[in-house]
Amino acid sequence: MNISEYTYLWTTKKDEFVLVNTEYGYGIVNKKEQTVLSISDEELEKQLINKMLEEGNKVYENILDAYADV
């Protein structure tokens, strides 16, 4: 997979897709749909998280706060 397939995370759907800081690192969460985006390729996931941080996607310390902020 290619990072360009996921540009919606930090462009058109930036308000919906956020990062949640967990004990295992960041998770990519759709706070509107209350779902977690699972990426099986660890390197791709790291690239996506770094790009989301770079682009200023919101970061939450817990998933309930993300879900409550709709």
Protein backbone atom coordinates (compact mmCIF):
# COMPACT_ATOMS: atom_id res chain seq x y z
CA MET A 1 0.00 0.00 0.00
CA ASN A 2 0.96 3.57 -0.58
CA ILE A 3 0.61 6.57 1.72
CA SER A 4 -1.09 8.50 -1.10
CA GLU A 5 -4.11 6.20 -0.78
CA TYR A 6 -4.71 7.66 2.68
CA THR A 7 -4.45 11.41 2.05
CA TYR A 8 -8.07 11.81 3.18
CA LEU A 9 -6.82 11.27 6.75
CA TRP A 10 -5.22 14.73 6.82
CA THR A 11 -7.24 16.48 4.10
CA THR A 12 -10.95 15.94 3.44
CA LYS A 13 -11.57 13.83 6.59
CA LYS A 14 -9.08 15.58 8.90
CA ASP A 15 -11.83 16.60 11.33
CA GLU A 16 -13.00 12.98 11.66
CA PHE A 17 -9.69 11.10 11.82
CA VAL A 18 -7.64 11.77 14.93
CA LEU A 19 -4.83 10.15 16.84
CA VAL A 20 -5.29 8.59 20.26
CA ASN A 21 -2.20 8.13 22.39
CA THR A 22 -2.24 4.65 23.93
CA GLU A 23 0.26 2.63 25.93
CA TYR A 24 1.24 1.01 22.59
CA GLY A 25 1.66 4.25 20.65
CA TYR A 26 -0.76 6.24 18.54
CA GLY A 27 -3.93 4.75 17.13
CA ILE A 28 -5.79 6.20 14.15
CA VAL A 29 -9.43 6.73 15.10
CA ASN A 30 -12.50 7.97 13.25
CA LYS A 31 -14.18 9.85 16.09
CA LYS A 32 -17.40 10.43 14.14
CA GLU A 33 -17.94 6.74 13.29
CA GLN A 34 -16.28 5.57 16.52
CA THR A 35 -13.99 3.16 14.71
CA VAL A 36 -10.27 2.42 14.70
CA LEU A 37 -8.37 2.24 11.41
CA SER A 38 -6.30 -0.91 11.44
CA ILE A 39 -3.18 -0.86 9.24
CA SER A 40 -1.42 -4.23 8.92
CA ASP A 41 1.79 -2.75 7.46
CA GLU A 42 3.72 -1.30 10.43
CA GLU A 43 5.95 0.93 8.28
CA LEU A 44 2.94 2.40 6.46
CA GLU A 45 1.18 2.98 9.79
CA LYS A 46 4.23 4.89 11.09
CA GLN A 47 4.27 7.03 7.94
CA LEU A 48 0.55 7.80 8.27
CA ILE A 49 0.86 8.74 11.94
CA ASN A 50 3.86 10.96 11.25
CA LYS A 51 2.04 12.69 8.40
CA MET A 52 -1.07 13.20 10.54
CA LEU A 53 1.07 14.74 13.29
CA GLU A 54 2.83 16.93 10.74
CA GLU A 55 -0.50 18.10 9.29
CA GLY A 56 -1.92 18.93 12.71
CA ASN A 57 -4.58 16.26 13.19
CA LYS A 58 -5.94 16.36 16.74
CA VAL A 59 -4.36 14.11 19.33
CA TYR A 60 -6.28 12.74 22.32
CA GLU A 61 -4.99 11.01 25.42
CA ASN A 62 -7.99 8.70 25.57
CA ILE A 63 -10.49 7.34 23.10
CA LEU A 64 -13.55 8.40 25.10
CA ASP A 65 -12.45 12.04 24.84
CA ALA A 66 -12.14 11.63 21.07
CA TYR A 67 -15.61 10.09 20.79
CA ALA A 68 -17.10 12.83 22.97
CA ASP A 69 -15.63 15.58 20.77
CA VAL A 70 -17.94 15.20 17.78
